[in-house]
Amino acid sequence: IEIIVKEITEEAVNFKNAENPSEELEALKDMLDVLMRGTTQVVEKIDQYNDRRYR
């Protein structure tokens, strides 16, 4: 999770420093990719927890 937060922070800086709309769009797409990856990791951890809990 800490890595995901760091990547989001980096992409937010990229968005803030974007010089044109295409760079802004690219930064937003990268942020979305990071958030989706983070969501997948959280779901996997929840599934692992539930598998151990209900065995």
Protein backbone atom coordinates (compact mmCIF):
# COMPACT_ATOMS: atom_id res chain seq x y z
CA ILE A 1 0.00 0.00 0.00
CA GLU A 2 2.85 2.38 0.83
CA ILE A 3 4.28 1.88 -2.66
CA ILE A 4 0.89 2.67 -4.21
CA VAL A 5 0.62 5.88 -2.17
CA LYS A 6 4.12 6.89 -3.25
CA GLU A 7 3.29 6.27 -6.92
CA ILE A 8 0.06 8.29 -6.65
CA THR A 9 2.01 11.14 -5.08
CA GLU A 10 4.53 11.05 -7.93
CA GLU A 11 1.77 11.09 -10.54
CA ALA A 12 0.03 13.97 -8.75
CA VAL A 13 3.26 15.95 -9.04
CA ASN A 14 3.46 15.03 -12.73
CA PHE A 15 -0.12 16.25 -13.17
CA LYS A 16 0.62 19.49 -11.36
CA ASN A 17 3.71 20.09 -13.48
CA ALA A 18 2.04 19.20 -16.78
CA GLU A 19 2.58 21.84 -19.42
CA ASN A 20 -0.30 20.91 -21.70
CA PRO A 21 -3.58 18.95 -21.67
CA SER A 22 -2.03 15.82 -23.17
CA GLU A 23 0.50 15.63 -20.32
CA GLU A 24 -2.34 16.13 -17.83
CA LEU A 25 -4.29 13.32 -19.45
CA GLU A 26 -1.27 11.02 -19.35
CA ALA A 27 -0.74 11.73 -15.65
CA LEU A 28 -4.41 11.06 -14.93
CA LYS A 29 -4.27 7.76 -16.82
CA ASP A 30 -1.17 6.77 -14.85
CA MET A 31 -2.93 7.66 -11.58
CA LEU A 32 -5.89 5.53 -12.59
CA ASP A 33 -3.60 2.60 -13.41
CA VAL A 34 -1.94 2.87 -10.00
CA LEU A 35 -5.30 3.08 -8.22
CA MET A 36 -6.64 0.06 -10.09
CA ARG A 37 -3.52 -1.94 -9.24
CA GLY A 38 -3.88 -0.91 -5.60
CA THR A 39 -7.53 -1.94 -5.58
CA THR A 40 -6.61 -5.34 -6.97
CA GLN A 41 -3.95 -5.82 -4.30
CA VAL A 42 -6.38 -4.91 -1.52
CA VAL A 43 -8.99 -7.34 -2.84
CA GLU A 44 -6.36 -10.09 -3.04
CA LYS A 45 -5.32 -9.46 0.58
CA ILE A 46 -8.96 -9.55 1.72
CA ASP A 47 -9.47 -12.83 -0.14
CA GLN A 48 -6.34 -14.31 1.47
CA TYR A 49 -7.57 -13.23 4.89
CA ASN A 50 -11.01 -14.74 4.29
CA ASP A 51 -9.51 -18.00 3.00
CA ARG A 52 -7.45 -18.38 6.19
CA ARG A 53 -10.31 -17.31 8.41
CA TYR A 54 -12.87 -19.77 7.09
CA ARG A 55 -10.72 -22.89 6.77
